[in-house]
Amino acid sequence: MHLRKVHVQNIKLLRDVALSFVRKDGTPRPFTMFVGENGLCKTTLLQAIAVATVGPDYGSNLAASVQQSWIDLRGEGAAPTIRASLRNSDMATSEMKVSIEARRASFSGQATFALAGRTKSAIDVDQLGDRLREQKARWFSAAYGTSRGDGKREAGEAGPLRSLRSLFEGPLDGVSLIDLLEPKLARKLVKTLQQIFVTGGLLPGITDLELRGRGGVRTAEDFQNRFTHNGLQTPVAWLSQGYRSTIAWVADFVGQLFLAGGDAVEPADMEGIVLIDEIDLHLHPRWQVALVPALKRVFPKMQFVATTHSPMMLTGLDADEIFLLERDKDGNVNAHCPDENPALRTGTELYSQFFGIEELYPNELGEKVDRYGELANDAYRSDAEEKERAALEKELARARITFDWRPVRRKKLPSAQ
């Protein structure tokens, strides 16, 4: 399943936001990244997409904790509405409309579902759930919030909502999904994860995922002890939070695909939508730069939609894969793509264009360092500027900032001829 378009109205500050998730040739974009300041509804957009992928019947259960907060209280009282178009590889299409009734804070909606070559017809929302279940792995979505990879060992619920609930309600440890699989399928999952993390190089330094006994695992705890990281066999608990976070959501959505389809799927053949809030969470900048290209390479048919606060995550994206969220004069959030590919931007330009940081030292002390350097290297500084330089030198010394060079010797300005 791939997302083609989403239109969100009257949800928080999203008064009227329409987004396309396909390229000019009509093919789905493999990656979409939402960028913007805190409070501009990046997470809410992911949640709206998650609800649209499962329809109103599942959506009411999934988003029970956030529905009331979605209602726009600023004026007209129009119902929060999500419209989405989804399509899978055999051209089966679902057109979804989901609304929240303000008084009840619950979803209602309608949907159409059509197979290639057939007339599109409206169906009951409960029937839609049945149709999605019939499609199994071909209509797949998963979503992950910022609480992931925290060591929680409970397997939790199975079914369509398990793969989405983390985005709404918190912690999920992806490896615990192994407890829900039959032993044969669990062994296939571990072999696939070995292919993803070791052969695919999704995380730096992971060189092995060892299988014990007869080549299988029985529980999540078995799985936990199998990573070889930088030459050392390492329990997941010893890995960094960034590694655990990434391992958790990747292992979970792969396992959910296996569980939905009842069999293993090659990473190159996996299809569906994966939503990740703050995909850069706890990752070193060097890993951030490599993650998006690696995901595109390992999962060429998956569609990822994510949020980030890091400019390093943007370097592997094209301009049409980024939506900048900004607030207009009326307080409404709008979205637009940048004019230029971020790979062509310098680090300073990325900070400026996407995050509004005009200086790499966005603080008073950094500005004083810059000013001191400007004055100290000006041989023709005036008496007043020399006095300013000396004062700055003392102030910076109190802040334990010193320099291994001396100011250039002052010179007199050349006499006018």
Protein backbone atom coordinates (compact mmCIF):
# COMPACT_ATOMS: atom_id res chain seq x y z
CA MET A 1 0.00 0.00 0.00
CA HIS A 2 1.17 3.49 -0.80
CA LEU A 3 -0.15 6.88 0.21
CA ARG A 4 -1.00 9.17 -2.72
CA LYS A 5 -2.55 12.25 -1.11
CA VAL A 6 -3.82 13.57 2.20
CA HIS A 7 -6.06 16.55 2.87
CA VAL A 8 -6.39 17.61 6.53
CA GLN A 9 -8.87 20.28 7.63
CA ASN A 10 -9.67 21.86 11.00
CA ILE A 11 -7.32 19.75 13.12
CA LYS A 12 -5.47 21.95 15.61
CA LEU A 13 -3.61 24.55 13.50
CA LEU A 14 -4.09 22.55 10.29
CA ARG A 15 -6.97 24.61 8.91
CA ASP A 16 -6.55 23.43 5.31
CA VAL A 17 -3.43 21.43 4.37
CA ALA A 18 -3.31 19.27 1.24
CA LEU A 19 -0.24 17.14 0.60
CA SER A 20 0.78 14.98 -2.34
CA PHE A 21 2.93 11.90 -1.79
CA VAL A 22 3.63 11.07 -5.44
CA ARG A 23 6.20 12.35 -7.91
CA LYS A 24 5.40 14.17 -11.14
CA ASP A 25 5.26 10.84 -13.00
CA GLY A 26 2.64 9.51 -10.56
CA THR A 27 4.90 7.06 -8.74
CA PRO A 28 4.89 7.14 -4.92
CA ARG A 29 7.71 9.00 -3.22
CA PRO A 30 9.82 6.60 -1.14
CA PHE A 31 10.39 9.16 1.60
CA THR A 32 8.63 12.26 2.92
CA MET A 33 10.04 14.35 5.77
CA PHE A 34 8.14 16.97 7.77
CA VAL A 35 10.34 19.79 9.11
CA GLY A 36 9.25 22.66 11.35
CA GLU A 37 9.38 24.21 14.77
CA ASN A 38 7.78 22.59 17.80
CA GLY A 39 4.03 23.13 17.89
CA LEU A 40 3.49 23.08 14.12
CA CYS A 41 1.58 19.77 14.13
CA LYS A 42 4.24 17.45 12.64
CA THR A 43 3.22 14.60 14.94
CA THR A 44 -0.46 15.38 14.38
CA LEU A 45 0.03 14.99 10.61
CA LEU A 46 1.57 11.55 11.17
CA GLN A 47 -1.34 10.60 13.43
CA ALA A 48 -3.87 11.80 10.85
CA ILE A 49 -2.19 9.65 8.20
CA ALA A 50 -2.22 6.67 10.56
CA VAL A 51 -5.97 7.05 11.12
CA ALA A 52 -6.56 7.34 7.37
CA THR A 53 -4.73 4.07 6.70
CA VAL A 54 -7.07 2.06 8.95
CA GLY A 55 -10.37 3.92 8.51
CA PRO A 56 -12.87 5.33 10.99
CA ASP A 57 -13.78 2.09 12.76
CA TYR A 58 -10.21 1.30 13.83
CA GLY A 59 -9.33 5.01 13.98
CA SER A 60 -11.73 5.72 16.86
CA ASN A 61 -9.99 3.06 18.94
CA LEU A 62 -6.52 4.05 17.86
CA ALA A 63 -6.78 7.80 18.49
CA ALA A 64 -9.08 7.81 21.53
CA SER A 65 -6.43 9.63 23.58
CA VAL A 66 -6.02 12.53 21.12
CA GLN A 67 -9.36 13.03 19.37
CA GLN A 68 -10.64 15.76 21.68
CA SER A 69 -7.37 17.73 21.42
CA TRP A 70 -7.61 17.71 17.61
CA ILE A 71 -10.71 19.91 17.51
CA ASP A 72 -9.94 23.47 16.34
CA LEU A 73 -11.45 25.76 18.98
CA ARG A 74 -10.60 29.04 17.22
CA GLY A 75 -13.85 29.76 15.48
CA GLU A 76 -16.21 28.19 12.99
CA GLY A 77 -16.53 24.85 14.74
CA ALA A 78 -16.15 22.87 11.51
CA ALA A 79 -15.57 19.17 11.99
CA PRO A 80 -11.95 17.97 11.85
CA THR A 81 -11.65 16.02 8.60
CA ILE A 82 -9.07 13.75 6.99
CA ARG A 83 -9.29 12.73 3.34
CA ALA A 84 -6.76 10.32 1.93
CA SER A 85 -6.10 8.29 -1.19
CA LEU A 86 -4.25 4.97 -0.86
CA ARG A 87 -3.28 2.44 -3.50
CA ASN A 88 -1.50 -0.90 -3.57
CA SER A 89 0.63 -2.53 -6.25
CA ASP A 90 -2.29 -4.19 -8.11
CA MET A 91 -3.94 -0.75 -8.41
CA ALA A 92 -6.60 -1.45 -5.79
CA THR A 93 -7.50 1.98 -4.44
CA SER A 94 -9.15 3.23 -1.28
CA GLU A 95 -10.49 6.77 -1.01
CA MET A 96 -11.03 7.59 2.65
CA LYS A 97 -12.90 10.41 4.38
CA VAL A 98 -12.78 10.50 8.18
CA SER A 99 -14.39 13.18 10.36
CA ILE A 100 -14.53 13.81 14.10
CA GLU A 101 -17.86 14.74 15.60
CA ALA A 102 -16.96 17.55 17.99
CA ARG A 103 -19.53 16.71 20.65
CA ARG A 104 -18.77 13.00 20.74
CA ALA A 105 -15.05 13.23 19.95
CA SER A 106 -15.34 10.07 17.88
CA PHE A 107 -14.75 9.29 14.22
CA SER A 108 -17.35 8.85 11.55
CA GLY A 109 -16.66 8.48 7.88
CA GLN A 110 -17.07 6.87 4.53
CA ALA A 111 -14.76 5.16 2.10
CA THR A 112 -14.66 3.81 -1.42
CA PHE A 113 -12.72 0.73 -2.43
CA ALA A 114 -12.05 -0.41 -5.98
CA LEU A 115 -9.94 -3.03 -7.73
CA ALA A 116 -8.27 -2.39 -11.07
CA GLY A 117 -10.78 -2.44 -13.90
CA ARG A 118 -13.83 -2.22 -11.63
CA THR A 119 -16.12 0.65 -10.85
CA LYS A 120 -15.33 2.34 -7.57
CA SER A 121 -18.16 1.97 -5.06
CA ALA A 122 -18.86 3.20 -1.55
CA ILE A 123 -18.69 0.63 1.22
CA ASP A 124 -19.63 0.55 4.86
CA VAL A 125 -16.78 1.47 7.21
CA ASP A 126 -16.94 -1.94 8.90
CA GLN A 127 -16.72 -3.61 5.51
CA LEU A 128 -13.67 -1.49 4.79
CA GLY A 129 -11.97 -3.01 7.82
CA ASP A 130 -12.83 -6.46 6.44
CA ARG A 131 -11.43 -5.53 3.02
CA LEU A 132 -8.21 -4.28 4.55
CA ARG A 133 -7.85 -7.46 6.56
CA GLU A 134 -8.46 -9.53 3.41
CA GLN A 135 -5.64 -7.67 1.67
CA LYS A 136 -3.36 -8.55 4.61
CA ALA A 137 0.24 -7.43 3.99
CA ARG A 138 -0.74 -5.65 0.78
CA TRP A 139 -2.56 -2.99 2.85
CA PHE A 140 0.04 -2.48 5.57
CA SER A 141 0.89 0.52 7.75
CA ALA A 142 2.94 0.99 10.91
CA ALA A 143 3.68 4.06 13.04
CA TYR A 144 6.19 4.82 15.79
CA GLY A 145 6.31 7.62 18.34
CA THR A 146 9.29 8.91 20.29
CA SER A 147 9.02 6.23 23.03
CA ARG A 148 10.55 3.22 21.37
CA GLY A 149 13.28 0.73 22.19
CA ASP A 150 12.91 1.31 25.94
CA GLY A 151 13.36 -2.34 26.93
CA LYS A 152 9.68 -3.12 27.50
CA ARG A 153 9.29 -6.90 27.22
CA GLU A 154 5.49 -7.31 26.90
CA ALA A 155 4.35 -8.68 23.58
CA GLY A 156 1.08 -6.74 23.75
CA GLU A 157 -1.84 -7.02 21.33
CA ALA A 158 -1.78 -8.46 17.86
CA GLY A 159 -3.72 -7.04 14.93
CA PRO A 160 -3.88 -3.89 12.81
CA LEU A 161 -3.72 -1.43 15.71
CA ARG A 162 -0.58 -2.84 17.35
CA SER A 163 1.61 -1.58 14.54
CA LEU A 164 0.23 1.97 14.93
CA ARG A 165 -0.45 2.45 18.63
CA SER A 166 3.09 3.57 19.57
CA LEU A 167 2.54 6.88 17.75
CA PHE A 168 -0.43 7.68 19.98
CA GLU A 169 0.18 6.04 23.33
CA GLY A 170 3.89 5.49 23.83
CA PRO A 171 6.40 2.72 24.46
CA LEU A 172 6.93 -0.15 22.10
CA ASP A 173 9.86 -2.56 21.93
CA GLY A 174 9.86 -4.01 18.45
CA VAL A 175 11.76 -7.21 19.21
CA SER A 176 8.99 -8.41 21.55
CA LEU A 177 6.94 -9.14 18.43
CA ILE A 178 8.87 -12.41 18.10
CA ASP A 179 6.78 -13.75 20.98
CA LEU A 180 3.67 -13.48 18.76
CA LEU A 181 5.11 -15.50 15.85
CA GLU A 182 5.17 -19.22 15.29
CA PRO A 183 8.72 -20.67 15.80
CA LYS A 184 9.29 -21.26 12.08
CA LEU A 185 8.23 -17.72 11.19
CA ALA A 186 10.28 -16.31 14.09
CA ARG A 187 13.39 -17.97 12.65
CA LYS A 188 12.63 -16.44 9.26
CA LEU A 189 12.22 -13.04 10.91
CA VAL A 190 15.64 -13.23 12.59
CA LYS A 191 17.27 -14.25 9.31
CA THR A 192 15.58 -11.32 7.57
CA LEU A 193 16.72 -8.92 10.29
CA GLN A 194 20.22 -10.30 9.86
CA GLN A 195 19.94 -9.48 6.16
CA ILE A 196 18.70 -5.95 6.97
CA PHE A 197 21.10 -4.94 9.73
CA VAL A 198 24.22 -6.86 8.70
CA THR A 199 24.15 -7.32 4.92
CA GLY A 200 22.11 -4.18 4.31
CA GLY A 201 24.31 -2.09 6.60
CA LEU A 202 21.38 -0.23 8.12
CA LEU A 203 23.35 0.52 11.30
CA PRO A 204 27.13 1.13 11.36
CA GLY A 205 29.27 -1.43 13.17
CA ILE A 206 26.68 -4.26 13.28
CA THR A 207 28.53 -7.21 11.77
CA ASP A 208 26.55 -10.25 12.95
CA LEU A 209 23.23 -11.42 14.34
CA GLU A 210 23.98 -14.87 15.71
CA LEU A 211 21.40 -17.70 15.87
CA ARG A 212 21.77 -20.30 18.62
CA GLY A 213 20.92 -24.00 18.86
CA ARG A 214 19.12 -25.26 15.77
CA GLY A 215 19.13 -21.83 14.19
CA GLY A 216 16.11 -20.30 15.85
CA VAL A 217 14.81 -18.25 18.73
CA ARG A 218 11.94 -18.91 21.09
CA THR A 219 11.52 -15.65 22.96
CA ALA A 220 12.41 -11.98 22.74
CA GLU A 221 15.13 -12.55 25.35
CA ASP A 222 16.79 -15.10 23.05
CA PHE A 223 16.81 -12.52 20.29
CA GLN A 224 18.17 -9.85 22.63
CA ASN A 225 21.64 -11.42 22.89
CA ARG A 226 22.57 -11.83 19.26
CA PHE A 227 24.11 -8.61 17.92
CA THR A 228 27.82 -8.32 17.23
CA HIS A 229 28.77 -4.65 17.38
CA ASN A 230 32.33 -3.52 16.53
CA GLY A 231 33.63 -7.06 17.02
CA LEU A 232 31.95 -7.66 20.40
CA GLN A 233 28.89 -9.89 20.93
CA THR A 234 26.56 -7.41 22.56
CA PRO A 235 23.12 -7.60 24.21
CA VAL A 236 20.66 -5.04 22.92
CA ALA A 237 20.68 -3.46 26.38
CA TRP A 238 24.38 -2.59 25.89
CA LEU A 239 23.80 -0.80 22.61
CA SER A 240 23.26 2.95 22.48
CA GLN A 241 19.76 4.39 22.76
CA GLY A 242 19.98 5.40 19.09
CA TYR A 243 20.70 1.82 18.02
CA ARG A 244 17.95 0.41 20.28
CA SER A 245 15.43 2.93 18.98
CA THR A 246 16.16 2.13 15.32
CA ILE A 247 16.32 -1.63 15.90
CA ALA A 248 12.97 -1.48 17.73
CA TRP A 249 10.90 0.19 15.02
CA VAL A 250 12.56 -1.62 12.09
CA ALA A 251 12.20 -5.04 13.75
CA ASP A 252 8.61 -4.26 14.65
CA PHE A 253 7.36 -3.23 11.21
CA VAL A 254 9.15 -6.15 9.53
CA GLY A 255 7.65 -8.55 12.08
CA GLN A 256 4.20 -6.99 11.64
CA LEU A 257 4.44 -7.59 7.89
CA PHE A 258 5.29 -11.24 8.53
CA LEU A 259 2.44 -11.56 11.02
CA ALA A 260 -0.09 -9.90 8.68
CA GLY A 261 0.87 -11.98 5.65
CA GLY A 262 1.54 -15.23 7.47
CA ASP A 263 4.94 -15.74 5.85
CA ALA A 264 8.33 -14.13 5.30
CA VAL A 265 8.80 -11.30 2.82
CA GLU A 266 12.09 -10.22 1.26
CA PRO A 267 13.03 -6.64 2.27
CA ALA A 268 13.20 -5.64 -1.40
CA ASP A 269 9.58 -6.79 -1.86
CA MET A 270 8.05 -5.26 1.27
CA GLU A 271 5.32 -2.70 0.57
CA GLY A 272 3.44 -0.40 2.91
CA ILE A 273 3.60 2.86 4.83
CA VAL A 274 5.84 3.42 7.85
CA LEU A 275 5.46 6.60 9.93
CA ILE A 276 8.26 7.64 12.32
CA ASP A 277 8.19 10.61 14.68
CA GLU A 278 11.65 12.17 15.19
CA ILE A 279 13.49 9.59 13.11
CA ASP A 280 16.83 11.13 14.15
CA LEU A 281 16.16 10.32 17.82
CA HIS A 282 19.47 9.70 19.68
CA LEU A 283 21.44 9.07 16.46
CA HIS A 284 24.92 10.51 15.94
CA PRO A 285 25.01 13.01 13.01
CA ARG A 286 27.16 10.64 10.95
CA TRP A 287 24.50 7.93 11.26
CA GLN A 288 21.76 10.44 10.53
CA VAL A 289 23.35 11.25 7.18
CA ALA A 290 23.48 7.55 6.24
CA LEU A 291 20.06 6.39 7.52
CA VAL A 292 17.71 7.70 4.80
CA PRO A 293 19.82 6.41 1.87
CA ALA A 294 20.13 3.03 3.66
CA LEU A 295 16.36 2.75 4.18
CA LYS A 296 15.74 3.59 0.53
CA ARG A 297 18.29 0.99 -0.56
CA VAL A 298 17.14 -1.84 1.75
CA PHE A 299 13.37 -1.22 1.37
CA PRO A 300 12.91 0.14 -2.18
CA LYS A 301 9.12 -0.41 -2.22
CA MET A 302 8.31 0.87 1.27
CA GLN A 303 7.02 4.42 1.76
CA PHE A 304 8.43 6.23 4.79
CA VAL A 305 6.93 9.41 6.26
CA ALA A 306 8.86 10.96 9.14
CA THR A 307 9.55 14.09 11.16
CA THR A 308 12.93 15.47 12.18
CA HIS A 309 14.64 18.36 13.94
CA SER A 310 18.03 17.57 12.39
CA PRO A 311 19.50 19.10 9.20
CA MET A 312 21.68 15.98 8.81
CA MET A 313 18.60 13.89 7.98
CA LEU A 314 17.85 16.07 4.93
CA THR A 315 21.01 15.43 2.93
CA GLY A 316 19.72 12.11 1.54
CA LEU A 317 16.43 13.62 0.34
CA ASP A 318 15.28 15.37 -2.83
CA ALA A 319 13.52 18.73 -2.59
CA ASP A 320 10.08 17.20 -3.24
CA GLU A 321 10.59 14.75 -0.36
CA ILE A 322 10.60 17.55 2.23
CA PHE A 323 7.65 19.57 3.52
CA LEU A 324 8.49 22.73 5.46
CA LEU A 325 5.74 23.56 7.96
CA GLU A 326 5.27 27.25 8.71
CA ARG A 327 2.63 29.39 10.40
CA ASP A 328 0.91 32.17 8.45
CA LYS A 329 -0.30 35.54 9.80
CA ASP A 330 -3.59 33.97 10.93
CA GLY A 331 -1.85 31.24 12.91
CA ASN A 332 -2.64 28.45 10.44
CA VAL A 333 0.05 25.92 9.52
CA ASN A 334 0.92 25.60 5.84
CA ALA A 335 3.32 23.23 4.07
CA HIS A 336 5.56 23.70 1.06
CA CYS A 337 8.59 22.02 -0.53
CA PRO A 338 11.96 23.83 -0.68
CA ASP A 339 13.16 25.27 -3.98
CA GLU A 340 16.50 23.46 -4.07
CA ASN A 341 17.79 19.98 -3.34
CA PRO A 342 19.24 20.00 0.22
CA ALA A 343 22.23 17.92 -0.97
CA LEU A 344 23.38 21.06 -2.79
CA ARG A 345 23.33 23.16 0.39
CA THR A 346 26.18 23.78 2.81
CA GLY A 347 25.72 23.02 6.50
CA THR A 348 25.18 26.71 7.24
CA GLU A 349 22.56 26.97 4.48
CA LEU A 350 20.71 23.91 5.81
CA TYR A 351 20.51 25.48 9.28
CA SER A 352 19.32 28.76 7.78
CA GLN A 353 16.75 27.53 5.23
CA PHE A 354 15.18 24.67 7.17
CA PHE A 355 15.61 25.71 10.80
CA GLY A 356 15.83 29.50 10.76
CA ILE A 357 19.30 29.62 12.35
CA GLU A 358 21.26 32.35 10.62
CA GLU A 359 24.48 31.90 12.64
CA LEU A 360 26.23 28.73 13.69
CA TYR A 361 26.75 30.42 17.07
CA PRO A 362 23.12 31.38 17.83
CA ASN A 363 23.97 32.73 21.28
CA GLU A 364 25.45 35.86 22.80
CA LEU A 365 28.79 34.29 23.72
CA GLY A 366 29.32 33.00 20.19
CA GLU A 367 28.59 36.44 18.79
CA LYS A 368 31.22 37.91 21.13
CA VAL A 369 33.78 35.37 19.92
CA ASP A 370 33.03 36.39 16.33
CA ARG A 371 33.30 40.09 17.20
CA TYR A 372 36.60 39.58 19.04
CA GLY A 373 38.09 37.77 16.03
CA GLU A 374 36.91 40.53 13.70
CA LEU A 375 38.54 43.25 15.84
CA ALA A 376 41.74 41.33 16.69
CA ASN A 377 42.47 40.71 13.00
CA ASP A 378 41.88 44.30 11.91
CA ALA A 379 45.25 46.06 11.84
CA TYR A 380 43.53 49.42 11.36
CA ARG A 381 41.12 49.22 14.29
CA SER A 382 40.43 52.56 15.97
CA ASP A 383 41.17 53.46 19.59
CA ALA A 384 37.54 52.79 20.48
CA GLU A 385 37.66 49.42 18.72
CA GLU A 386 40.91 48.51 20.50
CA LYS A 387 39.25 49.33 23.81
CA GLU A 388 36.29 47.12 22.81
CA ARG A 389 38.66 44.30 21.84
CA ALA A 390 40.51 44.44 25.17
CA ALA A 391 37.23 44.35 27.10
CA LEU A 392 36.02 41.37 25.09
CA GLU A 393 39.31 39.54 25.69
CA LYS A 394 38.86 39.88 29.47
CA GLU A 395 35.21 38.82 29.31
CA LEU A 396 35.99 35.75 27.20
CA ALA A 397 38.88 34.83 29.52
CA ARG A 398 36.42 34.81 32.44
CA ALA A 399 34.33 32.38 30.38
CA ARG A 400 37.51 30.25 29.92
CA ILE A 401 37.77 31.06 26.23
CA THR A 402 41.32 31.86 25.20
CA PHE A 403 43.16 31.94 21.88
CA ASP A 404 46.53 30.52 20.83
CA TRP A 405 47.24 33.57 18.67
CA ARG A 406 47.82 37.23 19.43
CA PRO A 407 45.89 40.18 17.93
CA VAL A 408 47.62 41.68 14.90
CA ARG A 409 49.67 44.79 15.61
CA ARG A 410 47.78 48.00 14.99
CA LYS A 411 48.86 50.24 12.11
CA LYS A 412 48.08 53.78 11.23
CA LEU A 413 45.80 54.39 8.31
CA PRO A 414 47.77 55.46 5.22
CA SER A 415 47.80 59.22 4.71
CA ALA A 416 45.61 60.46 1.92
CA GLN A 417 47.68 61.55 -1.09
